[in-house]
């Protein structure tokens, strides 16, 4: 599978898709931001700046200040593939975020989503 198309997408476009997915299910944009910040180590100010600088999705993860060590506790299926079985490290990080947003949209509590 060629992941280059996903890696080259603008983060700002992906971000809006993630926010839309969560808000359609009654969750808040701030919760999406909290999940992203927990996973990547970015701050709210960093996220706001990225909306202006529009890094690629790959750059967003490659430049993440501090990927959360508890992200390895994220298990489950996204797009028919178990996130814990993905071999490509960058794609696994992307799918971790997808899984967290799925959990948010399904109504899980933030405590469970953030593996607290």
Protein backbone atom coordinates (compact mmCIF):
# COMPACT_ATOMS: atom_id res chain seq x y z
CA UNK A 1 0.00 0.00 0.00
CA UNK A 2 1.33 3.42 -0.97
CA UNK A 3 1.04 5.76 2.01
CA UNK A 4 2.59 8.78 0.26
CA UNK A 5 -0.78 10.35 -0.57
CA UNK A 6 -1.77 10.33 3.10
CA UNK A 7 1.62 11.61 4.22
CA UNK A 8 1.48 14.54 1.77
CA UNK A 9 -1.98 15.77 2.79
CA UNK A 10 -2.14 19.12 4.56
CA UNK A 11 -2.55 18.68 8.29
CA UNK A 12 -5.07 21.53 8.39
CA UNK A 13 -7.40 19.56 6.08
CA UNK A 14 -7.04 16.39 8.14
CA UNK A 15 -7.58 18.38 11.34
CA UNK A 16 -10.87 19.75 10.03
CA UNK A 17 -12.02 16.23 9.13
CA UNK A 18 -11.18 15.02 12.65
CA UNK A 19 -13.05 17.93 14.23
CA UNK A 20 -16.06 17.36 11.95
CA UNK A 21 -16.19 13.67 12.83
CA UNK A 22 -16.21 14.40 16.56
CA UNK A 23 -18.58 17.37 16.51
CA UNK A 24 -21.16 15.50 14.41
CA UNK A 25 -21.37 13.08 17.32
CA UNK A 26 -21.79 15.80 19.93
CA UNK A 27 -18.18 16.19 21.03
CA UNK A 28 -16.30 19.49 21.15
CA UNK A 29 -13.40 20.81 19.08
CA UNK A 30 -11.57 21.36 22.38
CA UNK A 31 -11.78 17.63 23.08
CA UNK A 32 -10.23 16.88 19.69
CA UNK A 33 -7.45 19.33 20.51
CA UNK A 34 -6.93 17.70 23.90
CA UNK A 35 -6.59 14.28 22.27
CA UNK A 36 -4.13 15.58 19.66
CA UNK A 37 -2.06 17.38 22.29
CA UNK A 38 -2.01 14.30 24.53
CA UNK A 39 -0.83 12.08 21.68
CA UNK A 40 1.79 14.40 20.18
CA UNK A 41 2.97 16.79 22.87
CA UNK A 42 1.91 19.85 20.86
CA UNK A 43 0.29 22.73 22.74
CA UNK A 44 -2.91 24.51 21.82
CA UNK A 45 -0.79 27.40 20.53
CA UNK A 46 1.18 24.96 18.37
CA UNK A 47 -2.04 23.64 16.83
CA UNK A 48 -3.26 27.14 16.08
CA UNK A 49 0.04 27.98 14.39
CA UNK A 50 -0.19 24.83 12.26
CA UNK A 51 -3.46 26.00 10.81
CA UNK A 52 -1.48 28.92 9.35
CA UNK A 53 1.72 27.06 8.36
CA UNK A 54 -0.05 23.95 7.04
CA UNK A 55 2.56 21.21 7.45
CA UNK A 56 1.95 17.89 5.76
CA UNK A 57 0.46 15.12 7.83
CA UNK A 58 3.87 13.40 7.84
CA UNK A 59 5.63 16.58 9.02
CA UNK A 60 3.03 17.01 11.74
CA UNK A 61 3.96 13.66 13.28
CA UNK A 62 7.68 13.78 12.45
CA UNK A 63 8.00 17.12 14.26
CA UNK A 64 5.83 16.19 17.23
CA UNK A 65 7.51 17.45 20.41
CA UNK A 66 6.88 14.37 22.52
CA UNK A 67 4.82 11.39 21.42
CA UNK A 68 3.00 10.05 24.46
CA UNK A 69 4.46 6.77 25.68
CA UNK A 70 0.99 5.52 26.60
CA UNK A 71 0.00 5.60 22.92
CA UNK A 72 1.24 2.00 22.79
CA UNK A 73 -1.78 1.12 24.94
CA UNK A 74 -4.08 2.07 22.05
CA UNK A 75 -5.54 -1.11 20.61
CA UNK A 76 -8.28 -1.82 18.15
CA UNK A 77 -9.28 -1.69 14.52
CA UNK A 78 -9.22 1.29 12.16
CA UNK A 79 -10.12 0.78 8.51
CA UNK A 80 -10.15 -2.97 9.06
CA UNK A 81 -6.57 -3.08 10.37
CA UNK A 82 -5.45 -3.52 13.98
CA UNK A 83 -3.46 -0.42 14.94
CA UNK A 84 -1.09 -2.42 17.10
CA UNK A 85 -0.13 -4.60 14.10
CA UNK A 86 0.79 -1.77 11.69
CA UNK A 87 4.46 -2.11 10.76
CA UNK A 88 5.07 1.31 9.19
CA UNK A 89 5.85 3.60 12.20
CA UNK A 90 4.47 6.80 10.71
CA UNK A 91 1.26 5.15 9.54
CA UNK A 92 0.86 3.61 12.98
CA UNK A 93 1.04 7.08 14.57
CA UNK A 94 -1.59 8.34 12.13
CA UNK A 95 -3.85 5.39 12.90
CA UNK A 96 -3.41 5.92 16.65
CA UNK A 97 -4.90 9.38 16.19
CA UNK A 98 -7.69 7.96 14.02
CA UNK A 99 -8.51 5.42 16.71
CA UNK A 100 -8.59 8.05 19.46
CA UNK A 101 -10.94 10.25 17.44
CA UNK A 102 -13.13 7.21 16.73
CA UNK A 103 -13.34 6.57 20.48
CA UNK A 104 -14.17 10.22 21.11
CA UNK A 105 -16.93 10.15 18.49
CA UNK A 106 -18.33 6.96 20.02
CA UNK A 107 -18.80 8.70 23.34
CA UNK A 108 -15.97 7.27 25.42
CA UNK A 109 -14.88 9.34 28.39
CA UNK A 110 -11.72 11.42 28.05
CA UNK A 111 -10.20 9.45 30.93
CA UNK A 112 -10.49 6.21 28.95
CA UNK A 113 -9.43 7.80 25.65
CA UNK A 114 -6.28 9.28 27.19
CA UNK A 115 -5.43 5.96 28.84
CA UNK A 116 -5.43 7.55 32.31
